[in-house]
Amino acid sequence: MNLRKKRAESSEVFTDALNDILFILLMFFLIVSTLANPNVRKASLPKAKSNTRSKQTVVVTIDATNHFYVGSKPVDPLLMDTTLSQMISAKRNSGEEVSIVINADRNATIESFAAVLRAADRLGVKAVMSVDKKGVQ
């Protein structure tokens, strides 16, 4: 009768090379995620004590000379409603919750900002203004 315990063989996976691959993939995704910013136009945002965070489905940028951009495409202020309604209806058809993020330069007039707010109100969409939290005490 054999009363000795049977030795269970342990198998190991050689993972030394996986660390290098995971590090390279991590760096790649970090770099790509910083490049995938939908805010193509730079605007000097007004200062605020708290940041507004919203899912950026439609981004409207107003630069210092009161030119409008929807995404990266320049838009005539008279065609703002039709452009926004086309984009919003396409996003609603795909099942997304739609909101408008307004990036208005601090030198833009309040009339330009109000025009986008009125368009969002007519379309029944929530509008949020982006602000810059840096430099606020």
N, C-alpha and C. Protein backbone atom coordinates (compact mmCIF):
# COMPACT_ATOMS: atom_id res chain seq x y z
N MET A 1 0.84 -1.16 0.00
CA MET A 1 0.00 0.00 0.00
C MET A 1 0.90 1.24 0.00
N ASN A 2 0.62 2.17 -0.91
CA ASN A 2 1.43 3.36 -1.07
C ASN A 2 0.76 4.51 -0.32
N LEU A 3 1.35 4.92 0.80
CA LEU A 3 0.75 5.96 1.62
C LEU A 3 1.39 7.33 1.41
N ARG A 4 2.30 7.42 0.49
CA ARG A 4 2.94 8.71 0.23
C ARG A 4 1.97 9.64 -0.50
N LYS A 5 2.14 10.94 -0.18
CA LYS A 5 1.31 11.93 -0.86
C LYS A 5 1.83 12.13 -2.28
N LYS A 6 0.91 12.30 -3.16
CA LYS A 6 1.31 12.56 -4.54
C LYS A 6 1.70 14.03 -4.67
N ARG A 7 2.77 14.28 -5.36
CA ARG A 7 3.23 15.64 -5.56
C ARG A 7 2.43 16.30 -6.67
N ALA A 8 1.80 17.37 -6.31
CA ALA A 8 1.05 18.11 -7.33
C ALA A 8 2.04 19.02 -8.05
N GLU A 9 2.03 18.91 -9.35
CA GLU A 9 2.94 19.75 -10.13
C GLU A 9 2.34 21.14 -10.25
N SER A 10 3.16 22.13 -9.98
CA SER A 10 2.69 23.51 -10.12
C SER A 10 3.22 24.08 -11.43
N SER A 11 2.34 24.73 -12.11
CA SER A 11 2.74 25.33 -13.39
C SER A 11 2.77 26.85 -13.23
N GLU A 12 3.74 27.45 -13.84
CA GLU A 12 3.89 28.90 -13.77
C GLU A 12 3.87 29.48 -15.16
N VAL A 13 3.36 30.69 -15.23
CA VAL A 13 3.35 31.40 -16.50
C VAL A 13 4.43 32.47 -16.43
N PHE A 14 5.24 32.53 -17.44
CA PHE A 14 6.32 33.51 -17.51
C PHE A 14 5.74 34.86 -17.90
N THR A 15 5.71 35.81 -16.94
CA THR A 15 5.04 37.09 -17.18
C THR A 15 5.99 38.28 -17.20
N ASP A 16 7.27 38.06 -17.29
CA ASP A 16 8.20 39.19 -17.28
C ASP A 16 8.02 40.09 -18.49
N ALA A 17 7.77 39.54 -19.65
CA ALA A 17 7.60 40.36 -20.85
C ALA A 17 6.25 41.07 -20.87
N LEU A 18 5.26 40.57 -20.14
CA LEU A 18 3.95 41.20 -20.12
C LEU A 18 3.98 42.57 -19.45
N ASN A 19 4.86 42.75 -18.48
CA ASN A 19 4.96 44.05 -17.82
C ASN A 19 5.35 45.14 -18.80
N ASP A 20 6.30 44.84 -19.67
CA ASP A 20 6.73 45.83 -20.67
C ASP A 20 5.61 46.14 -21.65
N ILE A 21 4.90 45.13 -22.07
CA ILE A 21 3.81 45.32 -23.03
C ILE A 21 2.68 46.13 -22.39
N LEU A 22 2.34 45.82 -21.14
CA LEU A 22 1.29 46.57 -20.46
C LEU A 22 1.68 48.03 -20.25
N PHE A 23 2.93 48.28 -19.95
CA PHE A 23 3.39 49.66 -19.78
C PHE A 23 3.28 50.42 -21.10
N ILE A 24 3.68 49.82 -22.19
CA ILE A 24 3.60 50.47 -23.50
C ILE A 24 2.14 50.74 -23.87
N LEU A 25 1.25 49.79 -23.62
CA LEU A 25 -0.17 50.00 -23.92
C LEU A 25 -0.76 51.10 -23.04
N LEU A 26 -0.38 51.14 -21.78
CA LEU A 26 -0.86 52.19 -20.89
C LEU A 26 -0.43 53.56 -21.39
N MET A 27 0.82 53.71 -21.77
CA MET A 27 1.30 54.99 -22.28
C MET A 27 0.59 55.37 -23.58
N PHE A 28 0.36 54.39 -24.45
CA PHE A 28 -0.33 54.66 -25.72
C PHE A 28 -1.74 55.19 -25.47
N PHE A 29 -2.49 54.55 -24.60
CA PHE A 29 -3.87 54.97 -24.35
C PHE A 29 -3.92 56.31 -23.61
N LEU A 30 -2.97 56.59 -22.76
CA LEU A 30 -2.94 57.89 -22.10
C LEU A 30 -2.69 59.01 -23.11
N ILE A 31 -1.78 58.79 -24.03
CA ILE A 31 -1.48 59.81 -25.04
C ILE A 31 -2.65 59.99 -25.98
N VAL A 32 -3.27 58.90 -26.42
CA VAL A 32 -4.39 58.99 -27.35
C VAL A 32 -5.59 59.65 -26.69
N SER A 33 -5.83 59.38 -25.42
CA SER A 33 -7.00 59.97 -24.76
C SER A 33 -6.85 61.47 -24.59
N THR A 34 -5.64 61.99 -24.47
CA THR A 34 -5.47 63.44 -24.38
C THR A 34 -5.62 64.10 -25.74
N LEU A 35 -5.38 63.38 -26.82
CA LEU A 35 -5.52 63.95 -28.15
C LEU A 35 -6.95 63.93 -28.65
N ALA A 36 -7.83 63.15 -28.02
CA ALA A 36 -9.20 62.99 -28.48
C ALA A 36 -10.12 64.00 -27.81
N ASN A 37 -9.73 65.25 -27.73
CA ASN A 37 -10.52 66.30 -27.09
C ASN A 37 -11.43 66.93 -28.12
N PRO A 38 -12.75 66.96 -27.89
CA PRO A 38 -13.65 67.52 -28.89
C PRO A 38 -13.59 69.03 -28.98
N ASN A 39 -12.95 69.70 -28.02
CA ASN A 39 -12.88 71.15 -28.04
C ASN A 39 -11.73 71.56 -28.95
N VAL A 40 -12.02 71.71 -30.23
CA VAL A 40 -10.98 72.01 -31.19
C VAL A 40 -10.59 73.48 -31.12
N ARG A 41 -11.55 74.36 -30.97
CA ARG A 41 -11.29 75.79 -30.89
C ARG A 41 -10.95 76.17 -29.46
N LYS A 42 -9.88 76.93 -29.29
CA LYS A 42 -9.49 77.38 -27.96
C LYS A 42 -10.24 78.66 -27.62
N ALA A 43 -10.75 78.72 -26.43
CA ALA A 43 -11.43 79.91 -25.94
C ALA A 43 -10.94 80.19 -24.53
N SER A 44 -10.73 81.45 -24.24
CA SER A 44 -10.32 81.86 -22.91
C SER A 44 -11.58 81.90 -22.04
N LEU A 45 -11.80 80.85 -21.27
CA LEU A 45 -13.05 80.68 -20.54
C LEU A 45 -13.11 81.58 -19.32
N PRO A 46 -14.33 81.99 -18.93
CA PRO A 46 -14.46 82.78 -17.71
C PRO A 46 -14.14 81.94 -16.47
N LYS A 47 -13.79 82.62 -15.39
CA LYS A 47 -13.41 81.95 -14.15
C LYS A 47 -14.65 81.65 -13.32
N ALA A 48 -14.62 80.54 -12.57
CA ALA A 48 -15.72 80.17 -11.68
C ALA A 48 -15.15 79.38 -10.52
N LYS A 49 -15.92 79.30 -9.44
CA LYS A 49 -15.46 78.57 -8.26
C LYS A 49 -15.65 77.08 -8.37
N SER A 50 -16.54 76.63 -9.24
CA SER A 50 -16.76 75.19 -9.40
C SER A 50 -16.82 74.88 -10.89
N ASN A 51 -16.34 73.70 -11.22
CA ASN A 51 -16.36 73.26 -12.61
C ASN A 51 -17.71 72.65 -12.94
N THR A 52 -18.10 72.76 -14.20
CA THR A 52 -19.31 72.09 -14.66
C THR A 52 -18.87 70.88 -15.47
N ARG A 53 -19.42 69.75 -15.15
CA ARG A 53 -19.10 68.53 -15.87
C ARG A 53 -20.38 68.03 -16.52
N SER A 54 -20.30 67.80 -17.80
CA SER A 54 -21.44 67.28 -18.53
C SER A 54 -20.90 66.44 -19.67
N LYS A 55 -21.66 65.46 -20.06
CA LYS A 55 -21.28 64.66 -21.21
C LYS A 55 -21.35 65.56 -22.44
N GLN A 56 -20.23 65.70 -23.11
CA GLN A 56 -20.13 66.66 -24.20
C GLN A 56 -20.60 66.03 -25.50
N THR A 57 -21.90 66.12 -25.73
CA THR A 57 -22.42 65.55 -26.97
C THR A 57 -22.38 66.56 -28.11
N VAL A 58 -22.75 67.81 -27.85
CA VAL A 58 -22.68 68.87 -28.85
C VAL A 58 -21.93 70.03 -28.21
N VAL A 59 -20.82 70.44 -28.83
CA VAL A 59 -20.00 71.52 -28.30
C VAL A 59 -20.13 72.73 -29.21
N VAL A 60 -20.57 73.85 -28.63
CA VAL A 60 -20.66 75.12 -29.35
C VAL A 60 -19.61 76.05 -28.77
N THR A 61 -18.73 76.56 -29.63
CA THR A 61 -17.67 77.46 -29.20
C THR A 61 -17.93 78.85 -29.76
N ILE A 62 -17.80 79.84 -28.90
CA ILE A 62 -17.92 81.24 -29.30
C ILE A 62 -16.57 81.89 -29.01
N ASP A 63 -15.88 82.37 -30.07
CA ASP A 63 -14.57 82.95 -29.85
C ASP A 63 -14.69 84.42 -29.47
N ALA A 64 -13.54 85.08 -29.30
CA ALA A 64 -13.53 86.46 -28.82
C ALA A 64 -14.15 87.43 -29.82
N THR A 65 -14.19 87.05 -31.10
CA THR A 65 -14.78 87.93 -32.12
C THR A 65 -16.23 87.53 -32.42
N ASN A 66 -16.85 86.75 -31.54
CA ASN A 66 -18.24 86.32 -31.63
C ASN A 66 -18.54 85.50 -32.88
N HIS A 67 -17.60 84.67 -33.29
CA HIS A 67 -17.84 83.70 -34.35
C HIS A 67 -18.25 82.39 -33.69
N PHE A 68 -19.24 81.70 -34.28
CA PHE A 68 -19.78 80.47 -33.73
C PHE A 68 -19.16 79.26 -34.43
N TYR A 69 -18.88 78.21 -33.64
CA TYR A 69 -18.40 76.94 -34.16
C TYR A 69 -19.18 75.83 -33.48
N VAL A 70 -19.72 74.93 -34.27
CA VAL A 70 -20.37 73.74 -33.73
C VAL A 70 -19.39 72.60 -33.99
N GLY A 71 -18.80 72.08 -32.91
CA GLY A 71 -17.69 71.15 -33.05
C GLY A 71 -16.50 71.94 -33.54
N SER A 72 -16.00 71.63 -34.73
CA SER A 72 -14.90 72.40 -35.31
C SER A 72 -15.35 73.15 -36.56
N LYS A 73 -16.64 73.07 -36.88
CA LYS A 73 -17.17 73.66 -38.11
C LYS A 73 -17.74 75.05 -37.83
N PRO A 74 -17.28 76.08 -38.58
CA PRO A 74 -17.86 77.41 -38.38
C PRO A 74 -19.31 77.45 -38.85
N VAL A 75 -20.14 78.17 -38.08
CA VAL A 75 -21.57 78.22 -38.36
C VAL A 75 -22.03 79.68 -38.35
N ASP A 76 -22.89 80.02 -39.32
CA ASP A 76 -23.49 81.34 -39.36
C ASP A 76 -24.51 81.43 -38.22
N PRO A 77 -24.55 82.56 -37.48
CA PRO A 77 -25.50 82.67 -36.36
C PRO A 77 -26.96 82.52 -36.79
N LEU A 78 -27.27 82.88 -38.03
CA LEU A 78 -28.65 82.73 -38.51
C LEU A 78 -29.02 81.27 -38.74
N LEU A 79 -28.02 80.42 -38.97
CA LEU A 79 -28.27 78.99 -39.22
C LEU A 79 -28.00 78.13 -37.99
N MET A 80 -27.83 78.77 -36.83
CA MET A 80 -27.51 78.03 -35.61
C MET A 80 -28.61 77.04 -35.25
N ASP A 81 -29.88 77.46 -35.33
CA ASP A 81 -30.99 76.56 -34.97
C ASP A 81 -31.04 75.33 -35.86
N THR A 82 -30.90 75.52 -37.15
CA THR A 82 -31.01 74.38 -38.07
C THR A 82 -29.82 73.44 -37.90
N THR A 83 -28.62 74.00 -37.71
CA THR A 83 -27.44 73.15 -37.53
C THR A 83 -27.55 72.33 -36.26
N LEU A 84 -27.94 73.00 -35.17
CA LEU A 84 -28.08 72.29 -33.89
C LEU A 84 -29.21 71.26 -33.95
N SER A 85 -30.32 71.60 -34.60
CA SER A 85 -31.44 70.65 -34.66
C SER A 85 -31.06 69.41 -35.45
N GLN A 86 -30.27 69.56 -36.51
CA GLN A 86 -29.83 68.39 -37.28
C GLN A 86 -28.93 67.49 -36.43
N MET A 87 -27.98 68.10 -35.72
CA MET A 87 -27.06 67.30 -34.91
C MET A 87 -27.80 66.64 -33.74
N ILE A 88 -28.71 67.37 -33.12
CA ILE A 88 -29.43 66.83 -31.96
C ILE A 88 -30.38 65.72 -32.37
N SER A 89 -31.06 65.88 -33.50
CA SER A 89 -31.97 64.82 -33.94
C SER A 89 -31.21 63.56 -34.32
N ALA A 90 -30.02 63.71 -34.91
CA ALA A 90 -29.21 62.54 -35.23
C ALA A 90 -28.76 61.82 -33.97
N LYS A 91 -28.39 62.57 -32.94
CA LYS A 91 -27.94 61.95 -31.69
C LYS A 91 -29.11 61.35 -30.92
N ARG A 92 -30.28 61.99 -30.99
CA ARG A 92 -31.45 61.42 -30.31
C ARG A 92 -31.90 60.14 -30.99
N ASN A 93 -31.78 60.07 -32.32
CA ASN A 93 -32.16 58.85 -33.04
C ASN A 93 -31.26 57.68 -32.68
N SER A 94 -30.01 57.98 -32.33
CA SER A 94 -29.10 56.90 -31.93
C SER A 94 -29.26 56.54 -30.45
N GLY A 95 -30.15 57.25 -29.74
CA GLY A 95 -30.45 56.89 -28.36
C GLY A 95 -29.60 57.60 -27.33
N GLU A 96 -28.85 58.62 -27.71
CA GLU A 96 -28.01 59.34 -26.76
C GLU A 96 -28.80 60.42 -26.03
N GLU A 97 -28.40 60.70 -24.80
CA GLU A 97 -28.95 61.85 -24.08
C GLU A 97 -28.16 63.06 -24.54
N VAL A 98 -28.84 64.08 -25.01
CA VAL A 98 -28.19 65.20 -25.66
C VAL A 98 -28.10 66.40 -24.71
N SER A 99 -26.93 67.03 -24.69
CA SER A 99 -26.75 68.29 -24.00
C SER A 99 -25.79 69.14 -24.82
N ILE A 100 -25.89 70.44 -24.67
CA ILE A 100 -25.03 71.37 -25.39
C ILE A 100 -24.06 71.97 -24.39
N VAL A 101 -22.77 71.89 -24.69
CA VAL A 101 -21.74 72.51 -23.88
C VAL A 101 -21.27 73.75 -24.62
N ILE A 102 -21.35 74.90 -23.95
CA ILE A 102 -20.99 76.17 -24.58
C ILE A 102 -19.63 76.60 -24.05
N ASN A 103 -18.67 76.72 -24.96
CA ASN A 103 -17.35 77.24 -24.64
C ASN A 103 -17.30 78.67 -25.17
N ALA A 104 -17.64 79.63 -24.33
CA ALA A 104 -17.66 81.03 -24.74
C ALA A 104 -16.42 81.72 -24.20
N ASP A 105 -15.73 82.44 -25.07
CA ASP A 105 -14.58 83.23 -24.66
C ASP A 105 -15.05 84.31 -23.69
N ARG A 106 -14.18 84.66 -22.75
CA ARG A 106 -14.60 85.67 -21.76
C ARG A 106 -14.82 87.03 -22.40
N ASN A 107 -14.28 87.25 -23.60
CA ASN A 107 -14.48 88.52 -24.30
C ASN A 107 -15.67 88.48 -25.25
N ALA A 108 -16.34 87.35 -25.36
CA ALA A 108 -17.52 87.25 -26.22
C ALA A 108 -18.67 88.00 -25.55
N THR A 109 -19.57 88.50 -26.38
CA THR A 109 -20.68 89.27 -25.82
C THR A 109 -21.73 88.33 -25.24
N ILE A 110 -22.50 88.87 -24.32
CA ILE A 110 -23.55 88.08 -23.68
C ILE A 110 -24.66 87.76 -24.68
N GLU A 111 -24.81 88.59 -25.72
CA GLU A 111 -25.83 88.33 -26.73
C GLU A 111 -25.54 87.04 -27.49
N SER A 112 -24.25 86.79 -27.76
CA SER A 112 -23.88 85.56 -28.46
C SER A 112 -24.18 84.34 -27.60
N PHE A 113 -23.85 84.44 -26.32
CA PHE A 113 -24.13 83.35 -25.40
C PHE A 113 -25.63 83.13 -25.27
N ALA A 114 -26.39 84.22 -25.18
CA ALA A 114 -27.84 84.11 -25.04
C ALA A 114 -28.47 83.53 -26.29
N ALA A 115 -27.88 83.78 -27.46
CA ALA A 115 -28.42 83.22 -28.70
C ALA A 115 -28.34 81.69 -28.68
N VAL A 116 -27.24 81.15 -28.17
CA VAL A 116 -27.10 79.69 -28.09
C VAL A 116 -28.06 79.15 -27.04
N LEU A 117 -28.22 79.85 -25.92
CA LEU A 117 -29.16 79.41 -24.89
C LEU A 117 -30.59 79.39 -25.40
N ARG A 118 -30.96 80.41 -26.18
CA ARG A 118 -32.31 80.44 -26.74
C ARG A 118 -32.52 79.29 -27.72
N ALA A 119 -31.49 79.00 -28.53
CA ALA A 119 -31.60 77.88 -29.47
C ALA A 119 -31.74 76.57 -28.72
N ALA A 120 -31.00 76.38 -27.64
CA ALA A 120 -31.11 75.16 -26.84
C ALA A 120 -32.48 75.05 -26.20
N ASP A 121 -33.01 76.18 -25.75
CA ASP A 121 -34.34 76.18 -25.13
C ASP A 121 -35.42 75.82 -26.16
N ARG A 122 -35.31 76.35 -27.36
CA ARG A 122 -36.29 76.02 -28.41
C ARG A 122 -36.23 74.55 -28.79
N LEU A 123 -35.03 73.98 -28.73
CA LEU A 123 -34.87 72.57 -29.09
C LEU A 123 -35.12 71.63 -27.92
N GLY A 124 -35.32 72.18 -26.73
CA GLY A 124 -35.60 71.35 -25.56
C GLY A 124 -34.40 70.58 -25.06
N VAL A 125 -33.23 71.20 -25.12
CA VAL A 125 -31.98 70.55 -24.74
C VAL A 125 -31.35 71.33 -23.59
N LYS A 126 -30.71 70.60 -22.68
CA LYS A 126 -30.00 71.22 -21.58
C LYS A 126 -28.71 71.83 -22.10
N ALA A 127 -28.42 73.06 -21.69
CA ALA A 127 -27.19 73.75 -22.08
C ALA A 127 -26.35 74.03 -20.85
N VAL A 128 -25.05 73.81 -20.96
CA VAL A 128 -24.11 74.01 -19.86
C VAL A 128 -22.97 74.87 -20.38
N MET A 129 -22.52 75.82 -19.57
CA MET A 129 -21.40 76.66 -19.96
C MET A 129 -20.13 76.14 -19.32
N SER A 130 -19.07 76.02 -20.11
CA SER A 130 -17.77 75.62 -19.59
C SER A 130 -17.11 76.80 -18.94
N VAL A 131 -16.46 76.55 -17.81
CA VAL A 131 -15.74 77.59 -17.10
C VAL A 131 -14.35 77.08 -16.75
N ASP A 132 -13.49 78.00 -16.43
CA ASP A 132 -12.11 77.68 -16.06
C ASP A 132 -11.96 77.89 -14.56
N LYS A 133 -11.56 76.84 -13.85
CA LYS A 133 -11.45 76.92 -12.39
C LYS A 133 -10.08 77.43 -11.95
N LYS A 134 -9.11 77.47 -12.84
CA LYS A 134 -7.77 77.89 -12.49
C LYS A 134 -7.74 79.38 -12.16
N GLY A 135 -7.01 79.75 -11.15
CA GLY A 135 -6.84 81.16 -10.81
C GLY A 135 -7.95 81.75 -9.98
N VAL A 136 -8.93 80.97 -9.56
CA VAL A 136 -10.02 81.49 -8.75
C VAL A 136 -9.72 81.20 -7.29
N GLN A 137 -9.90 82.19 -6.44
CA GLN A 137 -9.61 82.00 -5.03
C GLN A 137 -10.84 81.58 -4.27
